[in-house]
């Protein structure tokens, strides 16, 4: 499990790092790559009697601009190769990390990446976005879903107080 968390953190760092020739990505104004990396925290919980994990960005715990990003976006990704508790095998984790890196890169505008949860047979990536960006995000995710059958679904909910992730933030 630590290997998976370290792999994901490494992937996030590589994704977040920018070369000097590229202009800064807007969402990095919310948190710098280094801040985001050190602020991710792993949590364990049980759902329907099955062990689950969450990797949550602590930097958003007291985020003052929540109302500017009132829409939660949950992207559900199926786990094809599972271990005995329904979590991805090491091989599957590599596929997950690559897909998550692509999703993060495609959503590399002013979004709030909260983190991910891994449950029996699937993983959710959790973002918060501005209402004005819903159409743009929908088009991106629709296109990704056509190309990547592992993406089961994506949902948007109006959640200006970020209640959907408040239990995670209560734990960290």
C-alpha atoms as a PDB file:
ATOM      1  CA  UNK A   1       0.000   0.000   0.000  1.00  0.00           C
ATOM      2  CA  UNK A   2       2.825   2.413   0.809  1.00  0.00           C
ATOM      3  CA  UNK A   3       4.298   1.669  -2.632  1.00  0.00           C
ATOM      4  CA  UNK A   4       0.976   2.684  -4.207  1.00  0.00           C
ATOM      5  CA  UNK A   5       0.791   5.921  -2.210  1.00  0.00           C
ATOM      6  CA  UNK A   6       4.427   6.777  -2.958  1.00  0.00           C
ATOM      7  CA  UNK A   7       3.911   5.983  -6.643  1.00  0.00           C
ATOM      8  CA  UNK A   8       0.881   8.251  -6.788  1.00  0.00           C
ATOM      9  CA  UNK A   9       2.681  11.065  -4.963  1.00  0.00           C
ATOM     10  CA  UNK A  10       5.618  10.739  -7.367  1.00  0.00           C
ATOM     11  CA  UNK A  11       3.251  10.830 -10.322  1.00  0.00           C
ATOM     12  CA  UNK A  12       1.540  13.932  -8.916  1.00  0.00           C
ATOM     13  CA  UNK A  13       4.892  15.650  -8.428  1.00  0.00           C
ATOM     14  CA  UNK A  14       5.958  14.861 -11.989  1.00  0.00           C
ATOM     15  CA  UNK A  15       2.609  16.002 -13.312  1.00  0.00           C
ATOM     16  CA  UNK A  16       2.685  19.212 -11.313  1.00  0.00           C
ATOM     17  CA  UNK A  17       6.255  20.183 -12.170  1.00  0.00           C
ATOM     18  CA  UNK A  18       6.589  22.616 -15.021  1.00  0.00           C
ATOM     19  CA  UNK A  19       9.497  23.393 -17.260  1.00  0.00           C
ATOM     20  CA  UNK A  20      10.689  26.983 -17.459  1.00  0.00           C
ATOM     21  CA  UNK A  21       9.503  27.269 -21.061  1.00  0.00           C
ATOM     22  CA  UNK A  22       5.818  26.660 -20.226  1.00  0.00           C
ATOM     23  CA  UNK A  23       3.529  29.274 -18.689  1.00  0.00           C
ATOM     24  CA  UNK A  24       2.268  28.382 -15.216  1.00  0.00           C
ATOM     25  CA  UNK A  25      -0.919  26.339 -15.024  1.00  0.00           C
ATOM     26  CA  UNK A  26      -3.733  28.288 -13.386  1.00  0.00           C
ATOM     27  CA  UNK A  27      -4.518  25.759 -10.670  1.00  0.00           C
ATOM     28  CA  UNK A  28      -0.961  25.976  -9.406  1.00  0.00           C
ATOM     29  CA  UNK A  29      -1.886  29.448  -8.168  1.00  0.00           C
ATOM     30  CA  UNK A  30      -4.173  27.720  -5.676  1.00  0.00           C
ATOM     31  CA  UNK A  31      -1.375  25.447  -4.442  1.00  0.00           C
ATOM     32  CA  UNK A  32       2.189  25.076  -5.594  1.00  0.00           C
ATOM     33  CA  UNK A  33       3.261  21.553  -6.657  1.00  0.00           C
ATOM     34  CA  UNK A  34       5.516  21.199  -3.614  1.00  0.00           C
ATOM     35  CA  UNK A  35       2.732  22.269  -1.247  1.00  0.00           C
ATOM     36  CA  UNK A  36       0.295  19.822  -2.817  1.00  0.00           C
ATOM     37  CA  UNK A  37       2.718  16.931  -2.593  1.00  0.00           C
ATOM     38  CA  UNK A  38       3.454  17.300   1.090  1.00  0.00           C
ATOM     39  CA  UNK A  39      -0.179  17.942   1.944  1.00  0.00           C
ATOM     40  CA  UNK A  40      -1.567  14.597   0.755  1.00  0.00           C
ATOM     41  CA  UNK A  41      -2.541  12.287   3.592  1.00  0.00           C
ATOM     42  CA  UNK A  42      -3.587   8.665   3.479  1.00  0.00           C
ATOM     43  CA  UNK A  43      -6.682   7.606   5.426  1.00  0.00           C
ATOM     44  CA  UNK A  44      -8.134   4.151   5.926  1.00  0.00           C
ATOM     45  CA  UNK A  45     -11.814   3.397   6.445  1.00  0.00           C
ATOM     46  CA  UNK A  46     -14.333   0.568   6.030  1.00  0.00           C
ATOM     47  CA  UNK A  47     -17.327   0.636   3.683  1.00  0.00           C
ATOM     48  CA  UNK A  48     -19.791  -2.261   3.541  1.00  0.00           C
ATOM     49  CA  UNK A  49     -17.349  -4.333   5.574  1.00  0.00           C
ATOM     50  CA  UNK A  50     -14.541  -3.842   3.061  1.00  0.00           C
ATOM     51  CA  UNK A  51     -11.286  -1.917   3.662  1.00  0.00           C
ATOM     52  CA  UNK A  52     -10.924   1.327   1.738  1.00  0.00           C
ATOM     53  CA  UNK A  53      -8.302   4.035   1.467  1.00  0.00           C
ATOM     54  CA  UNK A  54      -8.328   7.712   0.672  1.00  0.00           C
ATOM     55  CA  UNK A  55      -5.491   9.993  -0.367  1.00  0.00           C
ATOM     56  CA  UNK A  56      -6.656  13.505   0.517  1.00  0.00           C
ATOM     57  CA  UNK A  57      -5.031  16.891  -0.057  1.00  0.00           C
ATOM     58  CA  UNK A  58      -4.848  18.449   3.415  1.00  0.00           C
ATOM     59  CA  UNK A  59      -4.174  21.844   1.872  1.00  0.00           C
ATOM     60  CA  UNK A  60      -7.866  22.287   1.135  1.00  0.00           C
ATOM     61  CA  UNK A  61      -8.984  21.651   4.729  1.00  0.00           C
ATOM     62  CA  UNK A  62      -9.403  25.345   5.527  1.00  0.00           C
ATOM     63  CA  UNK A  63      -9.619  26.556   1.939  1.00  0.00           C
ATOM     64  CA  UNK A  64     -11.195  30.026   1.920  1.00  0.00           C
ATOM     65  CA  UNK A  65     -12.421  29.958  -1.689  1.00  0.00           C
ATOM     66  CA  UNK A  66     -14.752  26.929  -1.515  1.00  0.00           C
ATOM     67  CA  UNK A  67     -17.726  28.933  -2.756  1.00  0.00           C
ATOM     68  CA  UNK A  68     -15.788  29.782  -5.936  1.00  0.00           C
ATOM     69  CA  UNK A  69     -15.599  26.030  -6.663  1.00  0.00           C
ATOM     70  CA  UNK A  70     -19.108  24.845  -5.731  1.00  0.00           C
ATOM     71  CA  UNK A  71     -19.378  21.772  -7.965  1.00  0.00           C
ATOM     72  CA  UNK A  72     -17.995  18.447  -6.831  1.00  0.00           C
ATOM     73  CA  UNK A  73     -16.859  16.100  -9.581  1.00  0.00           C
ATOM     74  CA  UNK A  74     -16.466  12.400  -8.839  1.00  0.00           C
ATOM     75  CA  UNK A  75     -14.804  10.336 -11.560  1.00  0.00           C
ATOM     76  CA  UNK A  76     -15.286   6.601 -10.968  1.00  0.00           C
ATOM     77  CA  UNK A  77     -12.669   4.280 -12.463  1.00  0.00           C
ATOM     78  CA  UNK A  78     -13.179   0.499 -12.481  1.00  0.00           C
ATOM     79  CA  UNK A  79     -10.526  -1.829 -11.093  1.00  0.00           C
ATOM     80  CA  UNK A  80     -10.065  -4.733 -13.499  1.00  0.00           C
ATOM     81  CA  UNK A  81      -7.304  -6.660 -11.701  1.00  0.00           C
ATOM     82  CA  UNK A  82      -8.092  -6.793  -7.980  1.00  0.00           C
ATOM     83  CA  UNK A  83      -6.346  -8.259  -4.973  1.00  0.00           C
ATOM     84  CA  UNK A  84      -8.223 -10.133  -2.225  1.00  0.00           C
ATOM     85  CA  UNK A  85      -9.722  -6.923  -0.789  1.00  0.00           C
ATOM     86  CA  UNK A  86     -10.761  -5.534  -4.177  1.00  0.00           C
ATOM     87  CA  UNK A  87      -7.947  -3.024  -4.471  1.00  0.00           C
ATOM     88  CA  UNK A  88      -5.763  -2.794  -7.579  1.00  0.00           C
ATOM     89  CA  UNK A  89      -2.892  -5.222  -8.016  1.00  0.00           C
ATOM     90  CA  UNK A  90       0.570  -3.737  -8.511  1.00  0.00           C
ATOM     91  CA  UNK A  91       0.154  -4.069 -12.292  1.00  0.00           C
ATOM     92  CA  UNK A  92      -3.280  -2.450 -12.127  1.00  0.00           C
ATOM     93  CA  UNK A  93      -1.924   0.358  -9.918  1.00  0.00           C
ATOM     94  CA  UNK A  94       0.471   1.324 -12.723  1.00  0.00           C
ATOM     95  CA  UNK A  95      -2.463   1.527 -15.147  1.00  0.00           C
ATOM     96  CA  UNK A  96      -4.441   3.575 -12.609  1.00  0.00           C
ATOM     97  CA  UNK A  97      -1.546   5.966 -12.063  1.00  0.00           C
ATOM     98  CA  UNK A  98      -1.122   6.525 -15.806  1.00  0.00           C
ATOM     99  CA  UNK A  99      -4.851   7.138 -16.277  1.00  0.00           C
ATOM    100  CA  UNK A 100      -5.006   9.450 -13.264  1.00  0.00           C
ATOM    101  CA  UNK A 101      -2.025  11.409 -14.572  1.00  0.00           C
ATOM    102  CA  UNK A 102      -3.843  11.856 -17.887  1.00  0.00           C
ATOM    103  CA  UNK A 103      -7.022  12.992 -16.150  1.00  0.00           C
ATOM    104  CA  UNK A 104      -5.069  15.437 -13.973  1.00  0.00           C
ATOM    105  CA  UNK A 105      -3.273  16.801 -17.041  1.00  0.00           C
ATOM    106  CA  UNK A 106      -6.543  17.196 -18.960  1.00  0.00           C
ATOM    107  CA  UNK A 107      -8.103  19.018 -16.025  1.00  0.00           C
ATOM    108  CA  UNK A 108      -5.020  21.220 -15.614  1.00  0.00           C
ATOM    109  CA  UNK A 109      -6.864  24.485 -15.336  1.00  0.00           C
ATOM    110  CA  UNK A 110      -8.288  26.104 -12.242  1.00  0.00           C
ATOM    111  CA  UNK A 111      -9.681  23.042 -10.464  1.00  0.00           C
ATOM    112  CA  UNK A 112      -9.273  21.784  -6.926  1.00  0.00           C
ATOM    113  CA  UNK A 113      -7.993  18.204  -6.870  1.00  0.00           C
ATOM    114  CA  UNK A 114      -9.086  16.869  -3.492  1.00  0.00           C
ATOM    115  CA  UNK A 115      -7.722  13.372  -3.946  1.00  0.00           C
ATOM    116  CA  UNK A 116      -8.892   9.838  -4.474  1.00  0.00           C
ATOM    117  CA  UNK A 117     -10.647   7.007  -2.711  1.00  0.00           C
ATOM    118  CA  UNK A 118     -10.000   3.338  -3.420  1.00  0.00           C
ATOM    119  CA  UNK A 119     -12.888   1.011  -2.664  1.00  0.00           C
ATOM    120  CA  UNK A 120     -13.720  -2.586  -3.552  1.00  0.00           C
ATOM    121  CA  UNK A 121     -13.492  -2.741  -7.334  1.00  0.00           C
ATOM    122  CA  UNK A 122     -13.164   0.946  -8.137  1.00  0.00           C
ATOM    123  CA  UNK A 123     -11.467   4.230  -7.428  1.00  0.00           C
ATOM    124  CA  UNK A 124     -12.966   7.720  -7.315  1.00  0.00           C
ATOM    125  CA  UNK A 125     -11.034  10.857  -8.181  1.00  0.00           C
ATOM    126  CA  UNK A 126     -12.498  13.911  -6.469  1.00  0.00           C
ATOM    127  CA  UNK A 127     -12.363  17.476  -7.793  1.00  0.00           C
ATOM    128  CA  UNK A 128     -14.158  20.733  -7.137  1.00  0.00           C
ATOM    129  CA  UNK A 129     -14.691  23.135 -10.021  1.00  0.00           C
ATOM    130  CA  UNK A 130     -16.228  26.519 -10.762  1.00  0.00           C
ATOM    131  CA  UNK A 131     -19.780  26.368 -12.133  1.00  0.00           C
ATOM    132  CA  UNK A 132     -18.652  28.109 -15.317  1.00  0.00           C
ATOM    133  CA  UNK A 133     -16.322  25.169 -16.061  1.00  0.00           C
ATOM    134  CA  UNK A 134     -18.938  22.396 -15.914  1.00  0.00           C
ATOM    135  CA  UNK A 135     -19.516  22.311 -19.673  1.00  0.00           C
ATOM    136  CA  UNK A 136     -15.774  22.241 -20.383  1.00  0.00           C
ATOM    137  CA  UNK A 137     -15.179  19.458 -17.831  1.00  0.00           C
ATOM    138  CA  UNK A 138     -18.178  17.484 -19.130  1.00  0.00           C
ATOM    139  CA  UNK A 139     -16.820  17.606 -22.683  1.00  0.00           C
ATOM    140  CA  UNK A 140     -13.346  16.519 -21.533  1.00  0.00           C
ATOM    141  CA  UNK A 141     -14.687  13.639 -19.443  1.00  0.00           C
ATOM    142  CA  UNK A 142     -17.108  12.517 -22.143  1.00  0.00           C
ATOM    143  CA  UNK A 143     -14.214  12.324 -24.606  1.00  0.00           C
ATOM    144  CA  UNK A 144     -11.999  10.480 -22.092  1.00  0.00           C
ATOM    145  CA  UNK A 145     -14.753   7.989 -21.265  1.00  0.00           C
ATOM    146  CA  UNK A 146     -15.132   7.075 -24.943  1.00  0.00           C
ATOM    147  CA  UNK A 147     -11.403   6.333 -25.162  1.00  0.00           C
ATOM    148  CA  UNK A 148     -10.978   4.679 -21.761  1.00  0.00           C
ATOM    149  CA  UNK A 149     -13.525   1.993 -20.826  1.00  0.00           C
ATOM    150  CA  UNK A 150     -12.227   1.861 -17.238  1.00  0.00           C
ATOM    151  CA  UNK A 151     -13.918   5.205 -16.598  1.00  0.00           C
ATOM    152  CA  UNK A 152     -17.294   4.016 -15.332  1.00  0.00           C
ATOM    153  CA  UNK A 153     -18.926   7.364 -14.666  1.00  0.00           C
ATOM    154  CA  UNK A 154     -18.542  10.968 -13.664  1.00  0.00           C
ATOM    155  CA  UNK A 155     -20.983  12.962 -11.594  1.00  0.00           C
ATOM    156  CA  UNK A 156     -21.423  16.616 -10.710  1.00  0.00           C
ATOM    157  CA  UNK A 157     -23.139  17.868  -7.568  1.00  0.00           C
ATOM    158  CA  UNK A 158     -23.732  21.352  -6.298  1.00  0.00           C
ATOM    159  CA  UNK A 159     -21.794  21.357  -3.007  1.00  0.00           C
ATOM    160  CA  UNK A 160     -20.649  24.912  -2.162  1.00  0.00           C
ATOM    161  CA  UNK A 161     -19.752  23.918   1.426  1.00  0.00           C
ATOM    162  CA  UNK A 162     -17.799  20.826   0.255  1.00  0.00           C
ATOM    163  CA  UNK A 163     -19.916  18.567   2.455  1.00  0.00           C
ATOM    164  CA  UNK A 164     -19.119  15.513   0.300  1.00  0.00           C
ATOM    165  CA  UNK A 165     -15.525  15.590   1.548  1.00  0.00           C
ATOM    166  CA  UNK A 166     -16.045  17.076   5.006  1.00  0.00           C
ATOM    167  CA  UNK A 167     -15.690  13.708   6.773  1.00  0.00           C
ATOM    168  CA  UNK A 168     -12.233  13.281   5.262  1.00  0.00           C
ATOM    169  CA  UNK A 169     -11.225  16.732   6.455  1.00  0.00           C
ATOM    170  CA  UNK A 170     -12.614  16.014   9.922  1.00  0.00           C
ATOM    171  CA  UNK A 171     -10.182  13.068  10.103  1.00  0.00           C
ATOM    172  CA  UNK A 172      -7.027  14.975   9.156  1.00  0.00           C
END
